[in-house]
């Protein structure tokens, strides 16, 4: 990633941190979560595109980048429908939370698998 893009990302992250600690500014923290997840999705997507563009063979971090991209994409979807979860039946609510748990388990399993593979 270029230094320019890294600088912009760092400034946006610092703005999120600073504005969340100012007591006179009130905003919905769910919107901040969605915004930060969209930034993570963009960075993971950028990394995946660069890996595909530059390498014909699969990089050892491709699995992690793909899982991060997929998990945070679904997480944004869950945050968007979070207000609608109140209207769902209890079974449907637990189904959405179960899918989120399964996806986070896949994400963390891919981390563990990749780092154990790197250790060897």
N, C-alpha and C. Protein backbone atom coordinates (compact mmCIF):
# COMPACT_ATOMS: atom_id res chain seq x y z
N UNK A 1 0.85 -1.16 0.00
CA UNK A 1 0.00 0.00 0.00
C UNK A 1 0.90 1.24 0.00
N UNK A 2 0.53 2.20 -0.77
CA UNK A 2 1.35 3.40 -0.86
C UNK A 2 1.29 4.20 0.44
N UNK A 3 2.29 5.03 0.65
CA UNK A 3 2.35 5.84 1.87
C UNK A 3 1.19 6.84 1.91
N UNK A 4 0.77 7.32 0.74
CA UNK A 4 -0.33 8.28 0.67
C UNK A 4 -1.64 7.64 1.15
N UNK A 5 -1.94 6.45 0.66
CA UNK A 5 -3.16 5.74 1.05
C UNK A 5 -3.10 5.35 2.53
N UNK A 6 -1.93 4.94 3.00
CA UNK A 6 -1.77 4.59 4.40
C UNK A 6 -1.99 5.81 5.29
N UNK A 7 -1.51 6.97 4.87
CA UNK A 7 -1.70 8.20 5.63
C UNK A 7 -3.16 8.59 5.71
N UNK A 8 -3.88 8.49 4.60
CA UNK A 8 -5.31 8.81 4.59
C UNK A 8 -6.08 7.88 5.52
N UNK A 9 -5.76 6.59 5.46
CA UNK A 9 -6.43 5.61 6.33
C UNK A 9 -6.14 5.90 7.80
N UNK A 10 -4.91 6.28 8.10
CA UNK A 10 -4.55 6.60 9.49
C UNK A 10 -5.28 7.83 9.98
N UNK A 11 -5.41 8.84 9.14
CA UNK A 11 -6.12 10.07 9.53
C UNK A 11 -7.60 9.78 9.77
N UNK A 12 -8.22 8.98 8.91
CA UNK A 12 -9.64 8.64 9.10
C UNK A 12 -9.82 7.86 10.40
N UNK A 13 -8.91 6.92 10.68
CA UNK A 13 -9.01 6.15 11.92
C UNK A 13 -8.85 7.06 13.14
N UNK A 14 -7.92 8.00 13.08
CA UNK A 14 -7.75 8.94 14.19
C UNK A 14 -8.97 9.83 14.37
N UNK A 15 -9.59 10.25 13.28
CA UNK A 15 -10.81 11.06 13.39
C UNK A 15 -11.93 10.28 14.08
N UNK A 16 -12.06 8.99 13.74
CA UNK A 16 -13.06 8.16 14.43
C UNK A 16 -12.77 8.10 15.93
N UNK A 17 -11.51 7.92 16.30
CA UNK A 17 -11.15 7.84 17.72
C UNK A 17 -11.38 9.16 18.44
N UNK A 18 -11.01 10.25 17.82
CA UNK A 18 -11.14 11.56 18.47
C UNK A 18 -12.61 11.94 18.62
N UNK A 19 -13.40 11.80 17.57
CA UNK A 19 -14.80 12.23 17.65
C UNK A 19 -15.62 11.34 18.57
N UNK A 20 -15.21 10.09 18.75
CA UNK A 20 -15.99 9.22 19.64
C UNK A 20 -15.79 9.59 21.11
N UNK A 21 -14.73 10.33 21.42
CA UNK A 21 -14.46 10.69 22.81
C UNK A 21 -14.85 12.13 23.16
N UNK A 22 -15.45 12.86 22.24
CA UNK A 22 -15.91 14.22 22.53
C UNK A 22 -17.35 14.12 23.05
N UNK A 23 -17.58 14.54 24.28
CA UNK A 23 -18.92 14.34 24.87
C UNK A 23 -20.02 15.20 24.26
N UNK A 24 -19.69 16.33 23.63
CA UNK A 24 -20.75 17.18 23.08
C UNK A 24 -21.27 16.68 21.74
N UNK A 25 -20.53 15.80 21.09
CA UNK A 25 -20.97 15.26 19.81
C UNK A 25 -21.69 13.94 20.07
N UNK A 26 -22.93 13.86 19.62
CA UNK A 26 -23.69 12.63 19.78
C UNK A 26 -23.98 12.05 18.40
N UNK A 27 -23.71 10.80 18.25
CA UNK A 27 -24.02 10.10 17.01
C UNK A 27 -24.21 8.63 17.32
N UNK A 28 -24.71 7.91 16.37
CA UNK A 28 -25.01 6.50 16.52
C UNK A 28 -23.73 5.69 16.32
N UNK A 29 -23.34 4.92 17.32
CA UNK A 29 -22.11 4.14 17.21
C UNK A 29 -22.25 3.00 16.21
N UNK A 30 -23.48 2.56 15.91
CA UNK A 30 -23.66 1.53 14.88
C UNK A 30 -23.22 2.05 13.51
N UNK A 31 -23.45 3.34 13.26
CA UNK A 31 -23.01 3.92 11.99
C UNK A 31 -21.48 3.96 11.92
N UNK A 32 -20.83 4.19 13.04
CA UNK A 32 -19.37 4.19 13.07
C UNK A 32 -18.84 2.78 12.81
N UNK A 33 -19.51 1.79 13.38
CA UNK A 33 -19.10 0.40 13.14
C UNK A 33 -19.23 0.04 11.67
N UNK A 34 -20.32 0.44 11.06
CA UNK A 34 -20.51 0.17 9.63
C UNK A 34 -19.46 0.89 8.82
N UNK A 35 -19.18 2.14 9.16
CA UNK A 35 -18.15 2.90 8.44
C UNK A 35 -16.78 2.28 8.55
N UNK A 36 -16.40 1.86 9.76
CA UNK A 36 -15.09 1.24 9.93
C UNK A 36 -15.03 -0.12 9.24
N UNK A 37 -16.14 -0.86 9.26
CA UNK A 37 -16.16 -2.15 8.55
C UNK A 37 -16.05 -1.95 7.04
N UNK A 38 -16.66 -0.89 6.52
CA UNK A 38 -16.54 -0.62 5.09
C UNK A 38 -15.11 -0.27 4.73
N UNK A 39 -14.41 0.46 5.60
CA UNK A 39 -13.00 0.76 5.36
C UNK A 39 -12.18 -0.53 5.36
N UNK A 40 -12.45 -1.43 6.30
CA UNK A 40 -11.74 -2.71 6.34
C UNK A 40 -12.04 -3.53 5.09
N UNK A 41 -13.29 -3.52 4.64
CA UNK A 41 -13.65 -4.24 3.41
C UNK A 41 -12.88 -3.68 2.22
N UNK A 42 -12.79 -2.37 2.13
CA UNK A 42 -12.06 -1.75 1.01
C UNK A 42 -10.58 -2.12 1.05
N UNK A 43 -9.98 -2.08 2.23
CA UNK A 43 -8.56 -2.43 2.34
C UNK A 43 -8.32 -3.91 2.04
N UNK A 44 -9.19 -4.79 2.55
CA UNK A 44 -9.05 -6.22 2.27
C UNK A 44 -9.29 -6.50 0.78
N UNK A 45 -10.27 -5.83 0.18
CA UNK A 45 -10.51 -6.00 -1.25
C UNK A 45 -9.34 -5.50 -2.08
N UNK A 46 -8.76 -4.37 -1.69
CA UNK A 46 -7.59 -3.84 -2.36
C UNK A 46 -6.43 -4.82 -2.29
N UNK A 47 -6.23 -5.40 -1.11
CA UNK A 47 -5.16 -6.38 -0.93
C UNK A 47 -5.40 -7.62 -1.78
N UNK A 48 -6.64 -8.10 -1.82
CA UNK A 48 -6.94 -9.27 -2.64
C UNK A 48 -6.72 -9.00 -4.13
N UNK A 49 -7.13 -7.82 -4.58
CA UNK A 49 -6.94 -7.46 -5.99
C UNK A 49 -5.45 -7.38 -6.32
N UNK A 50 -4.67 -6.80 -5.42
CA UNK A 50 -3.22 -6.70 -5.64
C UNK A 50 -2.57 -8.08 -5.67
N UNK A 51 -3.01 -8.99 -4.80
CA UNK A 51 -2.46 -10.34 -4.79
C UNK A 51 -2.78 -11.08 -6.07
N UNK A 52 -3.99 -10.92 -6.56
CA UNK A 52 -4.38 -11.58 -7.81
C UNK A 52 -3.64 -10.96 -8.99
N UNK A 53 -3.48 -9.65 -8.95
CA UNK A 53 -2.84 -8.94 -10.05
C UNK A 53 -1.34 -9.25 -10.14
N UNK A 54 -0.66 -9.33 -9.00
CA UNK A 54 0.79 -9.48 -9.00
C UNK A 54 1.27 -10.92 -8.99
N UNK A 55 0.51 -11.84 -8.48
CA UNK A 55 0.97 -13.23 -8.35
C UNK A 55 0.04 -14.17 -9.08
N UNK A 56 0.66 -15.11 -9.78
CA UNK A 56 -0.16 -16.15 -10.39
C UNK A 56 -0.38 -17.29 -9.41
N UNK A 57 0.57 -17.49 -8.47
CA UNK A 57 0.38 -18.50 -7.44
C UNK A 57 -0.30 -17.87 -6.22
N UNK A 58 -0.86 -18.71 -5.38
CA UNK A 58 -1.62 -18.23 -4.24
C UNK A 58 -0.66 -17.86 -3.12
N UNK A 59 -0.81 -16.66 -2.61
CA UNK A 59 -0.02 -16.18 -1.48
C UNK A 59 -0.51 -16.85 -0.21
N UNK A 60 0.35 -16.98 0.77
CA UNK A 60 -0.06 -17.67 1.99
C UNK A 60 -1.05 -16.87 2.83
N UNK A 61 -1.19 -15.58 2.57
CA UNK A 61 -2.14 -14.76 3.30
C UNK A 61 -3.44 -14.54 2.53
N UNK A 62 -3.59 -15.15 1.39
CA UNK A 62 -4.79 -14.97 0.58
C UNK A 62 -6.03 -15.48 1.31
N UNK A 63 -5.89 -16.62 2.00
CA UNK A 63 -7.03 -17.18 2.73
C UNK A 63 -7.49 -16.23 3.82
N UNK A 64 -6.56 -15.64 4.55
CA UNK A 64 -6.93 -14.70 5.61
C UNK A 64 -7.59 -13.46 5.02
N UNK A 65 -7.01 -12.92 3.96
CA UNK A 65 -7.59 -11.73 3.34
C UNK A 65 -8.99 -12.00 2.81
N UNK A 66 -9.19 -13.17 2.21
CA UNK A 66 -10.51 -13.51 1.70
C UNK A 66 -11.52 -13.68 2.83
N UNK A 67 -11.09 -14.31 3.93
CA UNK A 67 -12.00 -14.49 5.07
C UNK A 67 -12.33 -13.15 5.73
N UNK A 68 -11.34 -12.26 5.83
CA UNK A 68 -11.61 -10.93 6.39
C UNK A 68 -12.61 -10.19 5.53
N UNK A 69 -12.41 -10.24 4.21
CA UNK A 69 -13.32 -9.57 3.28
C UNK A 69 -14.74 -10.13 3.43
N UNK A 70 -14.86 -11.45 3.46
CA UNK A 70 -16.17 -12.08 3.55
C UNK A 70 -16.83 -11.80 4.89
N UNK A 71 -16.10 -11.94 6.00
CA UNK A 71 -16.68 -11.75 7.33
C UNK A 71 -17.16 -10.31 7.52
N UNK A 72 -16.34 -9.35 7.15
CA UNK A 72 -16.74 -7.96 7.37
C UNK A 72 -17.85 -7.53 6.40
N UNK A 73 -17.92 -8.14 5.23
CA UNK A 73 -19.04 -7.86 4.33
C UNK A 73 -20.36 -8.33 4.95
N UNK A 74 -20.34 -9.53 5.49
CA UNK A 74 -21.55 -10.04 6.15
C UNK A 74 -21.84 -9.25 7.42
N UNK A 75 -20.78 -8.82 8.12
CA UNK A 75 -20.97 -8.03 9.33
C UNK A 75 -21.65 -6.69 9.03
N UNK A 76 -21.29 -6.06 7.92
CA UNK A 76 -21.97 -4.82 7.53
C UNK A 76 -23.44 -5.10 7.26
N UNK A 77 -23.72 -6.20 6.60
CA UNK A 77 -25.10 -6.58 6.34
C UNK A 77 -25.86 -6.78 7.65
N UNK A 78 -25.24 -7.44 8.64
CA UNK A 78 -25.89 -7.67 9.93
C UNK A 78 -26.14 -6.34 10.64
N UNK A 79 -25.15 -5.42 10.59
CA UNK A 79 -25.35 -4.12 11.23
C UNK A 79 -26.47 -3.34 10.56
N UNK A 80 -26.60 -3.47 9.24
CA UNK A 80 -27.65 -2.76 8.54
C UNK A 80 -29.03 -3.29 8.93
N UNK A 81 -29.16 -4.60 9.07
CA UNK A 81 -30.47 -5.16 9.43
C UNK A 81 -30.66 -5.25 10.94
N UNK A 82 -29.70 -4.72 11.72
CA UNK A 82 -29.78 -4.84 13.17
C UNK A 82 -31.06 -4.23 13.72
N UNK A 83 -31.50 -3.12 13.16
CA UNK A 83 -32.74 -2.51 13.63
C UNK A 83 -33.95 -3.39 13.32
N UNK A 84 -33.84 -4.17 12.26
CA UNK A 84 -34.94 -5.05 11.88
C UNK A 84 -34.99 -6.31 12.73
N UNK A 85 -33.88 -6.62 13.44
CA UNK A 85 -33.84 -7.84 14.25
C UNK A 85 -34.88 -7.83 15.37
N UNK A 86 -35.28 -6.65 15.79
CA UNK A 86 -36.29 -6.55 16.85
C UNK A 86 -37.63 -7.11 16.37
N UNK A 87 -37.87 -7.02 15.08
CA UNK A 87 -39.15 -7.47 14.53
C UNK A 87 -39.13 -8.95 14.14
N UNK A 88 -37.94 -9.57 14.17
CA UNK A 88 -37.86 -10.98 13.79
C UNK A 88 -38.36 -11.88 14.91
N UNK A 89 -38.74 -13.07 14.53
CA UNK A 89 -39.10 -14.03 15.57
C UNK A 89 -37.82 -14.49 16.27
N UNK A 90 -37.98 -15.14 17.37
CA UNK A 90 -36.81 -15.56 18.16
C UNK A 90 -35.96 -16.57 17.39
N UNK A 91 -36.59 -17.46 16.65
CA UNK A 91 -35.84 -18.45 15.86
C UNK A 91 -35.00 -17.78 14.78
N UNK A 92 -35.60 -16.81 14.09
CA UNK A 92 -34.85 -16.11 13.04
C UNK A 92 -33.72 -15.26 13.62
N UNK A 93 -33.94 -14.68 14.78
CA UNK A 93 -32.91 -13.90 15.45
C UNK A 93 -31.71 -14.78 15.78
N UNK A 94 -31.97 -15.94 16.35
CA UNK A 94 -30.87 -16.85 16.69
C UNK A 94 -30.20 -17.42 15.45
N UNK A 95 -30.94 -17.53 14.35
CA UNK A 95 -30.34 -18.00 13.11
C UNK A 95 -29.33 -16.98 12.59
N UNK A 96 -29.68 -15.69 12.62
CA UNK A 96 -28.77 -14.64 12.17
C UNK A 96 -27.52 -14.60 13.05
N UNK A 97 -27.71 -14.69 14.36
CA UNK A 97 -26.57 -14.70 15.26
C UNK A 97 -25.72 -15.96 15.09
N UNK A 98 -26.37 -17.08 14.79
CA UNK A 98 -25.63 -18.33 14.54
C UNK A 98 -24.77 -18.25 13.30
N UNK A 99 -25.31 -17.64 12.24
CA UNK A 99 -24.54 -17.46 11.01
C UNK A 99 -23.34 -16.55 11.28
N UNK A 100 -23.54 -15.50 12.04
CA UNK A 100 -22.43 -14.60 12.39
C UNK A 100 -21.37 -15.33 13.20
N UNK A 101 -21.78 -16.20 14.11
CA UNK A 101 -20.83 -16.98 14.91
C UNK A 101 -20.06 -17.96 14.05
N UNK A 102 -20.73 -18.61 13.12
CA UNK A 102 -20.05 -19.55 12.23
C UNK A 102 -19.03 -18.82 11.36
N UNK A 103 -19.40 -17.65 10.85
CA UNK A 103 -18.47 -16.89 10.02
C UNK A 103 -17.26 -16.40 10.82
N UNK A 104 -17.48 -15.98 12.05
CA UNK A 104 -16.33 -15.56 12.86
C UNK A 104 -15.46 -16.76 13.21
N UNK A 105 -16.05 -17.93 13.39
CA UNK A 105 -15.25 -19.14 13.64
C UNK A 105 -14.40 -19.49 12.43
N UNK A 106 -14.95 -19.35 11.23
CA UNK A 106 -14.18 -19.60 10.01
C UNK A 106 -13.04 -18.60 9.89
N UNK A 107 -13.31 -17.34 10.21
CA UNK A 107 -12.27 -16.31 10.15
C UNK A 107 -11.13 -16.63 11.11
N UNK A 108 -11.45 -16.93 12.35
CA UNK A 108 -10.40 -17.21 13.33
C UNK A 108 -9.69 -18.53 13.02
N UNK A 109 -10.39 -19.50 12.49
CA UNK A 109 -9.75 -20.76 12.09
C UNK A 109 -8.75 -20.53 10.97
N UNK A 110 -9.10 -19.65 10.04
CA UNK A 110 -8.16 -19.36 8.95
C UNK A 110 -6.92 -18.65 9.47
N UNK A 111 -7.08 -17.78 10.48
CA UNK A 111 -5.92 -17.15 11.12
C UNK A 111 -5.01 -18.21 11.73
N UNK A 112 -5.60 -19.09 12.53
CA UNK A 112 -4.82 -20.12 13.21
C UNK A 112 -4.14 -21.03 12.20
N UNK A 113 -4.87 -21.47 11.18
CA UNK A 113 -4.31 -22.35 10.15
C UNK A 113 -3.13 -21.69 9.45
N UNK A 114 -3.27 -20.43 9.06
CA UNK A 114 -2.22 -19.75 8.33
C UNK A 114 -0.98 -19.54 9.20
N UNK A 115 -1.18 -19.14 10.44
CA UNK A 115 -0.02 -18.90 11.29
C UNK A 115 0.66 -20.20 11.71
N UNK A 116 -0.09 -21.27 11.86
CA UNK A 116 0.55 -22.56 12.12
C UNK A 116 1.32 -23.05 10.90
N UNK A 117 0.77 -22.77 9.74
CA UNK A 117 1.45 -23.13 8.50
C UNK A 117 2.74 -22.32 8.33
N UNK A 118 2.72 -21.05 8.72
CA UNK A 118 3.91 -20.21 8.65
C UNK A 118 4.97 -20.66 9.65
N UNK A 119 4.54 -21.19 10.77
CA UNK A 119 5.47 -21.62 11.82
C UNK A 119 6.32 -22.79 11.36
N UNK A 120 5.74 -23.66 10.54
CA UNK A 120 6.46 -24.85 10.06
C UNK A 120 7.51 -24.49 9.11
